[in-house]
PDB file of N, CA and C in Angstrom:
ATOM      1  N   MET A   1     151.864 225.164  75.115  1.00  0.00           N
ATOM      2  CA  MET A   1     150.682 225.164  75.953  1.00  0.00           C
ATOM      3  C   MET A   1     150.093 223.761  75.991  1.00  0.00           C
ATOM      4  N   GLN A   2     149.251 223.565  76.968  1.00  0.00           N
ATOM      5  CA  GLN A   2     148.431 222.358  77.027  1.00  0.00           C
ATOM      6  C   GLN A   2     147.045 222.780  77.481  1.00  0.00           C
ATOM      7  N   GLU A   3     146.032 222.200  76.867  1.00  0.00           N
ATOM      8  CA  GLU A   3     144.666 222.467  77.299  1.00  0.00           C
ATOM      9  C   GLU A   3     144.090 221.199  77.896  1.00  0.00           C
ATOM     10  N   TYR A   4     143.389 221.403  79.017  1.00  0.00           N
ATOM     11  CA  TYR A   4     142.786 220.256  79.697  1.00  0.00           C
ATOM     12  C   TYR A   4     141.674 220.759  80.597  1.00  0.00           C
ATOM     13  N   ASP A   5     140.460 220.309  80.357  1.00  0.00           N
ATOM     14  CA  ASP A   5     139.318 220.580  81.229  1.00  0.00           C
ATOM     15  C   ASP A   5     139.155 222.079  81.515  1.00  0.00           C
ATOM     16  N   ARG A   6     139.161 222.884  80.456  1.00  0.00           N
ATOM     17  CA  ARG A   6     138.996 224.345  80.516  1.00  0.00           C
ATOM     18  C   ARG A   6     140.109 225.059  81.282  1.00  0.00           C
ATOM     19  N   GLN A   7     141.206 224.386  81.485  1.00  0.00           N
ATOM     20  CA  GLN A   7     142.401 224.999  82.049  1.00  0.00           C
ATOM     21  C   GLN A   7     143.465 224.983  80.969  1.00  0.00           C
ATOM     22  N   VAL A   8     144.374 225.935  81.032  1.00  0.00           N
ATOM     23  CA  VAL A   8     145.450 226.019  80.065  1.00  0.00           C
ATOM     24  C   VAL A   8     146.757 226.140  80.837  1.00  0.00           C
ATOM     25  N   PHE A   9     147.791 225.520  80.319  1.00  0.00           N
ATOM     26  CA  PHE A   9     149.103 225.546  80.930  1.00  0.00           C
ATOM     27  C   PHE A   9     150.106 226.114  79.925  1.00  0.00           C
ATOM     28  N   ILE A  10     150.937 227.031  80.383  1.00  0.00           N
ATOM     29  CA  ILE A  10     152.059 227.523  79.594  1.00  0.00           C
ATOM     30  C   ILE A  10     153.287 226.818  80.138  1.00  0.00           C
ATOM     31  N   PHE A  11     154.110 226.286  79.257  1.00  0.00           N
ATOM     32  CA  PHE A  11     155.313 225.576  79.676  1.00  0.00           C
ATOM     33  C   PHE A  11     156.543 226.401  79.376  1.00  0.00           C
ATOM     34  N   GLY A  12     157.410 226.510  80.363  1.00  0.00           N
ATOM     35  CA  GLY A  12     158.657 227.256  80.203  1.00  0.00           C
ATOM     36  C   GLY A  12     159.785 226.345  79.750  1.00  0.00           C
ATOM     37  N   ASN A  13     160.995 226.860  79.812  1.00  0.00           N
ATOM     38  CA  ASN A  13     162.146 226.113  79.308  1.00  0.00           C
ATOM     39  C   ASN A  13     162.633 225.025  80.260  1.00  0.00           C
ATOM     40  N   GLN A  14     161.997 224.877  81.411  1.00  0.00           N
ATOM     41  CA  GLN A  14     162.391 223.842  82.350  1.00  0.00           C
ATOM     42  C   GLN A  14     161.439 222.648  82.310  1.00  0.00           C
ATOM     43  N   SER A  15     160.638 222.574  81.290  1.00  0.00           N
ATOM     44  CA  SER A  15     159.615 221.540  81.257  1.00  0.00           C
ATOM     45  C   SER A  15     159.578 220.825  79.914  1.00  0.00           C
ATOM     46  N   GLY A  16     158.735 219.808  79.886  1.00  0.00           N
ATOM     47  CA  GLY A  16     158.444 219.101  78.643  1.00  0.00           C
ATOM     48  C   GLY A  16     157.388 219.871  77.872  1.00  0.00           C
ATOM     49  N   ARG A  17     156.597 219.181  77.092  1.00  0.00           N
ATOM     50  CA  ARG A  17     155.536 219.748  76.265  1.00  0.00           C
ATOM     51  C   ARG A  17     156.072 220.758  75.257  1.00  0.00           C
ATOM     52  N   GLY A  18     157.349 220.637  74.925  1.00  0.00           N
ATOM     53  CA  GLY A  18     157.933 221.516  73.929  1.00  0.00           C
ATOM     54  C   GLY A  18     158.627 222.737  74.493  1.00  0.00           C
ATOM     55  N   GLY A  19     158.430 223.032  75.769  1.00  0.00           N
ATOM     56  CA  GLY A  19     159.035 224.221  76.355  1.00  0.00           C
ATOM     57  C   GLY A  19     160.547 224.241  76.233  1.00  0.00           C
ATOM     58  N   ARG A  20     161.172 223.175  76.661  1.00  0.00           N
ATOM     59  CA  ARG A  20     162.635 223.114  76.576  1.00  0.00           C
ATOM     60  C   ARG A  20     163.102 223.134  75.123  1.00  0.00           C
ATOM     61  N   ASN A  21     162.390 222.417  74.273  1.00  0.00           N
ATOM     62  CA  ASN A  21     162.756 222.365  72.862  1.00  0.00           C
ATOM     63  C   ASN A  21     162.674 223.738  72.206  1.00  0.00           C
ATOM     64  N   ILE A  22     161.574 224.411  72.418  1.00  0.00           N
ATOM     65  CA  ILE A  22     161.320 225.707  71.774  1.00  0.00           C
ATOM     66  C   ILE A  22     162.270 226.779  72.280  1.00  0.00           C
ATOM     67  N   TYR A  23     162.425 226.866  73.597  1.00  0.00           N
ATOM     68  CA  TYR A  23     163.160 227.992  74.165  1.00  0.00           C
ATOM     69  C   TYR A  23     164.660 227.752  74.301  1.00  0.00           C
ATOM     70  N   GLU A  24     165.075 226.531  74.590  1.00  0.00           N
ATOM     71  CA  GLU A  24     166.503 226.262  74.735  1.00  0.00           C
ATOM     72  C   GLU A  24     167.123 225.744  73.449  1.00  0.00           C
ATOM     73  N   LEU A  25     166.566 224.669  72.909  1.00  0.00           N
ATOM     74  CA  LEU A  25     167.188 224.024  71.763  1.00  0.00           C
ATOM     75  C   LEU A  25     167.003 224.791  70.461  1.00  0.00           C
ATOM     76  N   LEU A  26     165.827 225.363  70.245  1.00  0.00           N
ATOM     77  CA  LEU A  26     165.586 226.116  69.014  1.00  0.00           C
ATOM     78  C   LEU A  26     165.794 227.620  69.205  1.00  0.00           C
ATOM     79  N   GLY A  27     165.924 228.069  70.449  1.00  0.00           N
ATOM     80  CA  GLY A  27     166.241 229.462  70.733  1.00  0.00           C
ATOM     81  C   GLY A  27     165.136 230.462  70.440  1.00  0.00           C
ATOM     82  N   LEU A  28     163.894 230.010  70.421  1.00  0.00           N
ATOM     83  CA  LEU A  28     162.779 230.929  70.164  1.00  0.00           C
ATOM     84  C   LEU A  28     162.353 231.617  71.461  1.00  0.00           C
ATOM     85  N   GLN A  29     161.592 232.686  71.338  1.00  0.00           N
ATOM     86  CA  GLN A  29     161.154 233.475  72.482  1.00  0.00           C
ATOM     87  C   GLN A  29     159.644 233.326  72.690  1.00  0.00           C
ATOM     88  N   ALA A  30     159.232 233.426  73.942  1.00  0.00           N
ATOM     89  CA  ALA A  30     157.800 233.445  74.253  1.00  0.00           C
ATOM     90  C   ALA A  30     157.216 234.771  73.776  1.00  0.00           C
ATOM     91  N   PRO A  31     155.907 234.808  73.519  1.00  0.00           N
ATOM     92  CA  PRO A  31     155.293 236.082  73.139  1.00  0.00           C
ATOM     93  C   PRO A  31     155.572 237.152  74.197  1.00  0.00           C
ATOM     94  N   LYS A  32     155.741 238.381  73.769  1.00  0.00           N
ATOM     95  CA  LYS A  32     156.077 239.483  74.679  1.00  0.00           C
ATOM     96  C   LYS A  32     154.981 239.747  75.710  1.00  0.00           C
ATOM     97  N   ASN A  33     153.743 239.359  75.403  1.00  0.00           N
ATOM     98  CA  ASN A  33     152.645 239.608  76.334  1.00  0.00           C
ATOM     99  C   ASN A  33     152.599 238.606  77.494  1.00  0.00           C
ATOM    100  N   ILE A  34     153.486 237.616  77.490  1.00  0.00           N
ATOM    101  CA  ILE A  34     153.559 236.684  78.616  1.00  0.00           C
ATOM    102  C   ILE A  34     154.612 237.207  79.580  1.00  0.00           C
ATOM    103  N   PRO A  35     154.199 237.559  80.800  1.00  0.00           N
ATOM    104  CA  PRO A  35     155.177 238.064  81.774  1.00  0.00           C
ATOM    105  C   PRO A  35     156.298 237.051  82.013  1.00  0.00           C
ATOM    106  N   SER A  36     157.514 237.529  82.097  1.00  0.00           N
ATOM    107  CA  SER A  36     158.675 236.639  82.234  1.00  0.00           C
ATOM    108  C   SER A  36     158.586 235.755  83.465  1.00  0.00           C
ATOM    109  N   GLU A  37     157.951 236.234  84.530  1.00  0.00           N
ATOM    110  CA  GLU A  37     157.845 235.396  85.732  1.00  0.00           C
ATOM    111  C   GLU A  37     156.986 234.160  85.499  1.00  0.00           C
ATOM    112  N   LEU A  38     156.085 234.198  84.520  1.00  0.00           N
ATOM    113  CA  LEU A  38     155.276 233.016  84.210  1.00  0.00           C
ATOM    114  C   LEU A  38     156.111 231.948  83.521  1.00  0.00           C
ATOM    115  N   MET A  39     157.191 232.357  82.875  1.00  0.00           N
ATOM    116  CA  MET A  39     158.026 231.432  82.133  1.00  0.00           C
ATOM    117  C   MET A  39     159.183 230.875  82.967  1.00  0.00           C
ATOM    118  N   GLN A  40     159.346 231.334  84.201  1.00  0.00           N
ATOM    119  CA  GLN A  40     160.483 230.929  85.018  1.00  0.00           C
ATOM    120  C   GLN A  40     160.373 229.497  85.522  1.00  0.00           C
ATOM    121  N   GLY A  41     159.192 229.054  85.871  1.00  0.00           N
ATOM    122  CA  GLY A  41     159.021 227.708  86.398  1.00  0.00           C
ATOM    123  C   GLY A  41     158.816 226.696  85.286  1.00  0.00           C
ATOM    124  N   ALA A  42     158.450 225.497  85.684  1.00  0.00           N
ATOM    125  CA  ALA A  42     158.197 224.455  84.698  1.00  0.00           C
ATOM    126  C   ALA A  42     156.932 224.763  83.896  1.00  0.00           C
ATOM    127  N   TYR A  43     155.906 225.269  84.587  1.00  0.00           N
ATOM    128  CA  TYR A  43     154.664 225.619  83.902  1.00  0.00           C
ATOM    129  C   TYR A  43     153.872 226.607  84.742  1.00  0.00           C
ATOM    130  N   TYR A  44     152.909 227.241  84.082  1.00  0.00           N
ATOM    131  CA  TYR A  44     151.999 228.154  84.749  1.00  0.00           C
ATOM    132  C   TYR A  44     150.596 227.800  84.290  1.00  0.00           C
ATOM    133  N   GLU A  45     149.681 227.634  85.215  1.00  0.00           N
ATOM    134  CA  GLU A  45     148.300 227.256  84.913  1.00  0.00           C
ATOM    135  C   GLU A  45     147.405 228.486  85.004  1.00  0.00           C
ATOM    136  N   PHE A  46     146.488 228.607  84.045  1.00  0.00           N
ATOM    137  CA  PHE A  46     145.525 229.705  84.091  1.00  0.00           C
ATOM    138  C   PHE A  46     144.198 229.260  83.482  1.00  0.00           C
ATOM    139  N   SER A  47     143.151 230.018  83.741  1.00  0.00           N
ATOM    140  CA  SER A  47     141.836 229.671  83.229  1.00  0.00           C
ATOM    141  C   SER A  47     141.737 230.036  81.748  1.00  0.00           C
ATOM    142  N   ILE A  48     140.907 229.315  81.041  1.00  0.00           N
ATOM    143  CA  ILE A  48     140.771 229.496  79.590  1.00  0.00           C
ATOM    144  C   ILE A  48     140.302 230.908  79.238  1.00  0.00           C
ATOM    145  N   GLU A  49     139.639 231.572  80.162  1.00  0.00           N
ATOM    146  CA  GLU A  49     139.172 232.933  79.898  1.00  0.00           C
ATOM    147  C   GLU A  49     140.333 233.917  79.681  1.00  0.00           C
ATOM    148  N   LEU A  50     141.539 233.570  80.137  1.00  0.00           N
ATOM    149  CA  LEU A  50     142.718 234.417  79.954  1.00  0.00           C
ATOM    150  C   LEU A  50     143.526 234.037  78.714  1.00  0.00           C
ATOM    151  N   LEU A  51     143.058 233.063  77.966  1.00  0.00           N
ATOM    152  CA  LEU A  51     143.826 232.535  76.840  1.00  0.00           C
ATOM    153  C   LEU A  51     144.194 233.607  75.815  1.00  0.00           C
ATOM    154  N   SER A  52     143.260 234.449  75.454  1.00  0.00           N
ATOM    155  CA  SER A  52     143.563 235.457  74.433  1.00  0.00           C
ATOM    156  C   SER A  52     144.627 236.441  74.910  1.00  0.00           C
ATOM    157  N   LYS A  53     144.769 236.600  76.202  1.00  0.00           N
ATOM    158  CA  LYS A  53     145.786 237.496  76.758  1.00  0.00           C
ATOM    159  C   LYS A  53     147.200 236.941  76.550  1.00  0.00           C
ATOM    160  N   TYR A  54     147.351 235.612  76.572  1.00  0.00           N
ATOM    161  CA  TYR A  54     148.668 234.989  76.528  1.00  0.00           C
ATOM    162  C   TYR A  54     149.005 234.284  75.214  1.00  0.00           C
ATOM    163  N   ALA A  55     148.035 234.101  74.352  1.00  0.00           N
ATOM    164  CA  ALA A  55     148.279 233.361  73.108  1.00  0.00           C
ATOM    165  C   ALA A  55     149.101 234.186  72.135  1.00  0.00           C
ATOM    166  N   GLY A  56     150.033 233.513  71.463  1.00  0.00           N
ATOM    167  CA  GLY A  56     150.857 234.174  70.457  1.00  0.00           C
ATOM    168  C   GLY A  56     150.321 233.932  69.062  1.00  0.00           C
ATOM    169  N   ASP A  57     151.087 234.360  68.087  1.00  0.00           N
ATOM    170  CA  ASP A  57     150.713 234.163  66.684  1.00  0.00           C
ATOM    171  C   ASP A  57     150.841 232.709  66.260  1.00  0.00           C
ATOM    172  N   TYR A  58     151.662 231.949  67.003  1.00  0.00           N
ATOM    173  CA  TYR A  58     151.875 230.524  66.759  1.00  0.00           C
ATOM    174  C   TYR A  58     151.760 229.820  68.099  1.00  0.00           C
ATOM    175  N   ILE A  59     151.164 228.635  68.082  1.00  0.00           N
ATOM    176  CA  ILE A  59     150.969 227.892  69.325  1.00  0.00           C
ATOM    177  C   ILE A  59     151.423 226.456  69.127  1.00  0.00           C
ATOM    178  N   VAL A  60     152.209 225.958  70.092  1.00  0.00           N
ATOM    179  CA  VAL A  60     152.520 224.533  70.196  1.00  0.00           C
ATOM    180  C   VAL A  60     151.632 224.041  71.324  1.00  0.00           C
ATOM    181  N   LEU A  61     150.741 223.099  71.015  1.00  0.00           N
ATOM    182  CA  LEU A  61     149.684 222.719  71.946  1.00  0.00           C
ATOM    183  C   LEU A  61     149.618 221.214  72.151  1.00  0.00           C
ATOM    184  N   THR A  62     149.667 220.806  73.409  1.00  0.00           N
ATOM    185  CA  THR A  62     149.389 219.415  73.761  1.00  0.00           C
ATOM    186  C   THR A  62     147.891 219.325  73.997  1.00  0.00           C
ATOM    187  N   SER A  63     147.234 218.460  73.231  1.00  0.00           N
ATOM    188  CA  SER A  63     145.776 218.384  73.294  1.00  0.00           C
ATOM    189  C   SER A  63     145.286 217.079  72.688  1.00  0.00           C
ATOM    190  N   LYS A  64     144.096 216.684  73.095  1.00  0.00           N
ATOM    191  CA  LYS A  64     143.417 215.560  72.452  1.00  0.00           C
ATOM    192  C   LYS A  64     142.546 216.061  71.303  1.00  0.00           C
ATOM    193  N   SER A  65     142.377 217.369  71.212  1.00  0.00           N
ATOM    194  CA  SER A  65     141.540 217.984  70.179  1.00  0.00           C
ATOM    195  C   SER A  65     142.281 218.061  68.852  1.00  0.00           C
ATOM    196  N   GLN A  66     141.506 218.163  67.802  1.00  0.00           N
ATOM    197  CA  GLN A  66     142.053 218.422  66.477  1.00  0.00           C
ATOM    198  C   GLN A  66     141.808 219.888  66.152  1.00  0.00           C
ATOM    199  N   LEU A  67     142.477 220.392  65.121  1.00  0.00           N
ATOM    200  CA  LEU A  67     142.347 221.797  64.756  1.00  0.00           C
ATOM    201  C   LEU A  67     140.891 222.183  64.527  1.00  0.00           C
ATOM    202  N   LYS A  68     140.136 221.362  63.826  1.00  0.00           N
ATOM    203  CA  LYS A  68     138.730 221.700  63.541  1.00  0.00           C
ATOM    204  C   LYS A  68     137.915 221.817  64.829  1.00  0.00           C
ATOM    205  N   ASP A  69     138.248 221.001  65.852  1.00  0.00           N
ATOM    206  CA  ASP A  69     137.555 221.089  67.141  1.00  0.00           C
ATOM    207  C   ASP A  69     137.858 222.414  67.826  1.00  0.00           C
ATOM    208  N   LEU A  70     139.125 222.814  67.795  1.00  0.00           N
ATOM    209  CA  LEU A  70     139.527 224.079  68.414  1.00  0.00           C
ATOM    210  C   LEU A  70     138.921 225.267  67.675  1.00  0.00           C
ATOM    211  N   GLN A  71     138.862 225.190  66.353  1.00  0.00           N
ATOM    212  CA  GLN A  71     138.276 226.280  65.563  1.00  0.00           C
ATOM    213  C   GLN A  71     136.780 226.436  65.859  1.00  0.00           C
ATOM    214  N   ALA A  72     136.105 225.346  66.213  1.00  0.00           N
ATOM    215  CA  ALA A  72     134.676 225.392  66.520  1.00  0.00           C
ATOM    216  C   ALA A  72     134.393 225.854  67.950  1.00  0.00           C
ATOM    217  N   GLU A  73     135.395 225.820  68.811  1.00  0.00           N
ATOM    218  CA  GLU A  73     135.232 226.226  70.208  1.00  0.00           C
ATOM    219  C   GLU A  73     135.360 227.744  70.284  1.00  0.00           C
ATOM    220  N   PRO A  74     134.412 228.452  70.939  1.00  0.00           N
ATOM    221  CA  PRO A  74     134.406 229.924  70.903  1.00  0.00           C
ATOM    222  C   PRO A  74     135.703 230.602  71.360  1.00  0.00           C
ATOM    223  N   ILE A  75     136.284 230.190  72.452  1.00  0.00           N
ATOM    224  CA  ILE A  75     137.479 230.878  72.946  1.00  0.00           C
ATOM    225  C   ILE A  75     138.696 230.509  72.108  1.00  0.00           C
ATOM    226  N   TRP A  76     138.953 229.222  71.923  1.00  0.00           N
ATOM    227  CA  TRP A  76     140.094 228.808  71.103  1.00  0.00           C
ATOM    228  C   TRP A  76     139.926 229.305  69.671  1.00  0.00           C
ATOM    229  N   GLY A  77     138.717 229.183  69.144  1.00  0.00           N
ATOM    230  CA  GLY A  77     138.458 229.557  67.757  1.00  0.00           C
ATOM    231  C   GLY A  77     138.618 231.037  67.468  1.00  0.00           C
ATOM    232  N   SER A  78     138.615 231.863  68.502  1.00  0.00           N
ATOM    233  CA  SER A  78     138.783 233.308  68.302  1.00  0.00           C
ATOM    234  C   SER A  78     140.248 233.721  68.186  1.00  0.00           C
ATOM    235  N   LEU A  79     141.172 232.821  68.471  1.00  0.00           N
ATOM    236  CA  LEU A  79     142.601 233.146  68.446  1.00  0.00           C
ATOM    237  C   LEU A  79     143.132 233.158  67.013  1.00  0.00           C
ATOM    238  N   PRO A  80     143.905 234.182  66.646  1.00  0.00           N
ATOM    239  CA  PRO A  80     144.469 234.218  65.292  1.00  0.00           C
ATOM    240  C   PRO A  80     145.284 232.965  64.941  1.00  0.00           C
ATOM    241  N   ALA A  81     146.050 232.437  65.880  1.00  0.00           N
ATOM    242  CA  ALA A  81     146.854 231.238  65.588  1.00  0.00           C
ATOM    243  C   ALA A  81     145.963 230.056  65.208  1.00  0.00           C
ATOM    244  N   ILE A  82     144.827 229.920  65.862  1.00  0.00           N
ATOM    245  CA  ILE A  82     143.903 228.814  65.569  1.00  0.00           C
ATOM    246  C   ILE A  82     143.176 229.096  64.250  1.00  0.00           C
ATOM    247  N   LYS A  83     142.700 230.320  64.083  1.00  0.00           N
ATOM    248  CA  LYS A  83     142.003 230.684  62.832  1.00  0.00           C
ATOM    249  C   LYS A  83     142.887 230.435  61.613  1.00  0.00           C
ATOM    250  N   ASN A  84     144.167 230.774  61.746  1.00  0.00           N
ATOM    251  CA  ASN A  84     145.094 230.678  60.612  1.00  0.00           C
ATOM    252  C   ASN A  84     145.795 229.324  60.508  1.00  0.00           C
ATOM    253  N   GLY A  85     145.498 228.416  61.413  1.00  0.00           N
ATOM    254  CA  GLY A  85     146.127 227.099  61.378  1.00  0.00           C
ATOM    255  C   GLY A  85     147.582 227.113  61.802  1.00  0.00           C
ATOM    256  N   ASN A  86     148.003 228.144  62.516  1.00  0.00           N
ATOM    257  CA  ASN A  86     149.386 228.254  62.981  1.00  0.00           C
ATOM    258  C   ASN A  86     149.536 227.613  64.355  1.00  0.00           C
ATOM    259  N   VAL A  87     149.145 226.366  64.411  1.00  0.00           N
ATOM    260  CA  VAL A  87     149.200 225.625  65.667  1.00  0.00           C
ATOM    261  C   VAL A  87     149.760 224.235  65.386  1.00  0.00           C
ATOM    262  N   TYR A  88     150.659 223.815  66.247  1.00  0.00           N
ATOM    263  CA  TYR A  88     151.215 222.461  66.179  1.00  0.00           C
ATOM    264  C   TYR A  88     150.568 221.689  67.310  1.00  0.00           C
ATOM    265  N   ILE A  89     149.759 220.714  66.977  1.00  0.00           N
ATOM    266  CA  ILE A  89     149.037 219.935  67.985  1.00  0.00           C
ATOM    267  C   ILE A  89     149.672 218.558  68.084  1.00  0.00           C
ATOM    268  N   TRP A  90     150.018 218.200  69.321  1.00  0.00           N
ATOM    269  CA  TRP A  90     150.530 216.862  69.573  1.00  0.00           C
ATOM    270  C   TRP A  90     149.919 216.326  70.849  1.00  0.00           C
ATOM    271  N   THR A  91     150.024 215.030  71.050  1.00  0.00           N
ATOM    272  CA  THR A  91     149.427 214.385  72.214  1.00  0.00           C
ATOM    273  C   THR A  91     150.393 214.413  73.395  1.00  0.00           C
ATOM    274  N   GLU A  92     149.885 214.066  74.560  1.00  0.00           N
ATOM    275  CA  GLU A  92     150.747 213.956  75.737  1.00  0.00           C
ATOM    276  C   GLU A  92     151.838 212.925  75.499  1.00  0.00           C
ATOM    277  N   GLU A  93     151.497 211.830  74.860  1.00  0.00           N
ATOM    278  CA  GLU A  93     152.479 210.779  74.602  1.00  0.00           C
ATOM    279  C   GLU A  93     153.638 211.290  73.752  1.00  0.00           C
ATOM    280  N   GLN A  94     153.364 212.204  72.842  1.00  0.00           N
ATOM    281  CA  GLN A  94     154.407 212.761  71.977  1.00  0.00           C
ATOM    282  C   GLN A  94     155.227 213.833  72.684  1.00  0.00           C
ATOM    283  N   SER A  95     154.626 214.534  73.619  1.00  0.00           N
ATOM    284  CA  SER A  95     155.279 215.707  74.200  1.00  0.00           C
ATOM    285  C   SER A  95     155.724 215.540  75.646  1.00  0.00           C
ATOM    286  N   TRP A  96     155.374 214.456  76.265  1.00  0.00           N
ATOM    287  CA  TRP A  96     155.592 214.271  77.707  1.00  0.00           C
ATOM    288  C   TRP A  96     157.045 214.055  78.091  1.00  0.00           C
ATOM    289  N   PHE A  97     157.716 213.149  77.420  1.00  0.00           N
ATOM    290  CA  PHE A  97     159.027 212.690  77.860  1.00  0.00           C
ATOM    291  C   PHE A  97     160.128 213.701  77.585  1.00  0.00           C
ATOM    292  N   ARG A  98     161.159 213.697  78.455  1.00  0.00           N
ATOM    293  CA  ARG A  98     162.264 214.645  78.336  1.00  0.00           C
ATOM    294  C   ARG A  98     163.618 213.953  78.293  1.00  0.00           C
ATOM    295  N   ASP A  99     163.644 212.693  77.921  1.00  0.00           N
ATOM    296  CA  ASP A  99     164.920 211.997  77.782  1.00  0.00           C
ATOM    297  C   ASP A  99     165.565 212.426  76.458  1.00  0.00           C
ATOM    298  N   PRO A 100     166.857 212.188  76.283  1.00  0.00           N
ATOM    299  CA  PRO A 100     167.546 212.678  75.076  1.00  0.00           C
ATOM    300  C   PRO A 100     166.922 212.216  73.758  1.00  0.00           C
ATOM    301  N   ILE A 101     166.493 210.974  73.684  1.00  0.00           N
ATOM    302  CA  ILE A 101     165.907 210.473  72.437  1.00  0.00           C
ATOM    303  C   ILE A 101     164.577 211.175  72.152  1.00  0.00           C
ATOM    304  N   ALA A 102     163.745 211.336  73.182  1.00  0.00           N
ATOM    305  CA  ALA A 102     162.462 212.021  73.009  1.00  0.00           C
ATOM    306  C   ALA A 102     162.678 213.483  72.634  1.00  0.00           C
ATOM    307  N   LEU A 103     163.618 214.157  73.301  1.00  0.00           N
ATOM    308  CA  LEU A 103     163.895 215.562  72.995  1.00  0.00           C
ATOM    309  C   LEU A 103     164.372 215.735  71.552  1.00  0.00           C
ATOM    310  N   LEU A 104     165.197 214.824  71.081  1.00  0.00           N
ATOM    311  CA  LEU A 104     165.673 214.896  69.703  1.00  0.00           C
ATOM    312  C   LEU A 104     164.505 214.767  68.727  1.00  0.00           C
ATOM    313  N   LYS A 105     163.650 213.780  68.921  1.00  0.00           N
ATOM    314  CA  LYS A 105     162.496 213.567  68.045  1.00  0.00           C
ATOM    315  C   LYS A 105     161.552 214.766  68.092  1.00  0.00           C
ATOM    316  N   GLN A 106     161.271 215.259  69.300  1.00  0.00           N
ATOM    317  CA  GLN A 106     160.378 216.409  69.441  1.00  0.00           C
ATOM    318  C   GLN A 106     160.959 217.636  68.736  1.00  0.00           C
ATOM    319  N   THR A 107     162.251 217.878  68.923  1.00  0.00           N
ATOM    320  CA  THR A 107     162.888 219.039  68.316  1.00  0.00           C
ATOM    321  C   THR A 107     162.875 218.926  66.797  1.00  0.00           C
ATOM    322  N   GLN A 108     163.131 217.740  66.272  1.00  0.00           N
ATOM    323  CA  GLN A 108     163.080 217.540  64.822  1.00  0.00           C
ATOM    324  C   GLN A 108     161.668 217.802  64.290  1.00  0.00           C
ATOM    325  N   ASP A 109     160.662 217.272  64.980  1.00  0.00           N
ATOM    326  CA  ASP A 109     159.278 217.465  64.550  1.00  0.00           C
ATOM    327  C   ASP A 109     158.887 218.940  64.588  1.00  0.00           C
ATOM    328  N   LEU A 110     159.264 219.628  65.665  1.00  0.00           N
ATOM    329  CA  LEU A 110     158.941 221.051  65.776  1.00  0.00           C
ATOM    330  C   LEU A 110     159.680 221.869  64.715  1.00  0.00           C
ATOM    331  N   ALA A 111     160.943 221.551  64.473  1.00  0.00           N
ATOM    332  CA  ALA A 111     161.712 222.264  63.456  1.00  0.00           C
ATOM    333  C   ALA A 111     161.094 222.066  62.070  1.00  0.00           C
ATOM    334  N   GLU A 112     160.668 220.857  61.761  1.00  0.00           N
ATOM    335  CA  GLU A 112     160.013 220.590  60.475  1.00  0.00           C
ATOM    336  C   GLU A 112     158.725 221.395  60.343  1.00  0.00           C
ATOM    337  N   TRP A 113     157.959 221.499  61.431  1.00  0.00           N
ATOM    338  CA  TRP A 113     156.720 222.289  61.413  1.00  0.00           C
ATOM    339  C   TRP A 113     157.043 223.757  61.150  1.00  0.00           C
ATOM    340  N   ILE A 114     158.031 224.294  61.844  1.00  0.00           N
ATOM    341  CA  ILE A 114     158.413 225.698  61.678  1.00  0.00           C
ATOM    342  C   ILE A 114     158.890 225.958  60.244  1.00  0.00           C
ATOM    343  N   ILE A 115     159.699 225.069  59.710  1.00  0.00           N
ATOM    344  CA  ILE A 115     160.176 225.217  58.328  1.00  0.00           C
ATOM    345  C   ILE A 115     158.987 225.164  57.363  1.00  0.00           C
ATOM    346  N   GLY A 116     158.064 224.252  57.623  1.00  0.00           N
ATOM    347  CA  GLY A 116     156.870 224.125  56.779  1.00  0.00           C
ATOM    348  C   GLY A 116     156.005 225.377  56.783  1.00  0.00           C
ATOM    349  N   LEU A 117     155.987 226.108  57.887  1.00  0.00           N
ATOM    350  CA  LEU A 117     155.223 227.362  57.955  1.00  0.00           C
ATOM    351  C   LEU A 117     155.777 228.399  56.998  1.00  0.00           C
ATOM    352  N   ASN A 118     157.073 228.313  56.754  1.00  0.00           N
ATOM    353  CA  ASN A 118     157.749 229.301  55.926  1.00  0.00           C
ATOM    354  C   ASN A 118     158.052 228.819  54.511  1.00  0.00           C
ATOM    355  N   THR A 119     157.530 227.648  54.168  1.00  0.00           N
ATOM    356  CA  THR A 119     157.751 227.097  52.837  1.00  0.00           C
ATOM    357  C   THR A 119     156.470 227.233  52.037  1.00  0.00           C
ATOM    358  N   PRO A 120     156.521 227.899  50.892  1.00  0.00           N
ATOM    359  CA  PRO A 120     155.299 228.041  50.089  1.00  0.00           C
ATOM    360  C   PRO A 120     154.774 226.671  49.649  1.00  0.00           C
ATOM    361  N   SER A 121     153.470 226.573  49.606  1.00  0.00           N
ATOM    362  CA  SER A 121     152.841 225.328  49.138  1.00  0.00           C
ATOM    363  C   SER A 121     153.104 225.140  47.662  1.00  0.00           C
ATOM    364  N   LYS A 122     153.220 223.881  47.277  1.00  0.00           N
ATOM    365  CA  LYS A 122     153.468 223.573  45.859  1.00  0.00           C
ATOM    366  C   LYS A 122     152.176 223.525  45.093  1.00  0.00           C
TER     367      LYS A 122
END
């Protein structure tokens, strides 16, 4: 996802922002509550008021905000993924490009985050 000016974008497997990495390279699935037709294109834009309808247990988010900012915002802060810190936040600069070198770096970073979610803290 990407948040910008009270709009939210869901990215499918034909786009940057982690969509191609998550769905093609890592083989993960979108939450079941997201209609498949929304995932067919490069992205789907919707108003923030629909966020709770489409948010999953884990979120990869392109944003200028930090986790504490999202937790303080009423709509974002109400999401279980945000409450539990199950969100990977990166900037447009980190998630924008889709060349092979950028995709490799993005996929490695996302894979490390996913592994870290499942690794007990020391």
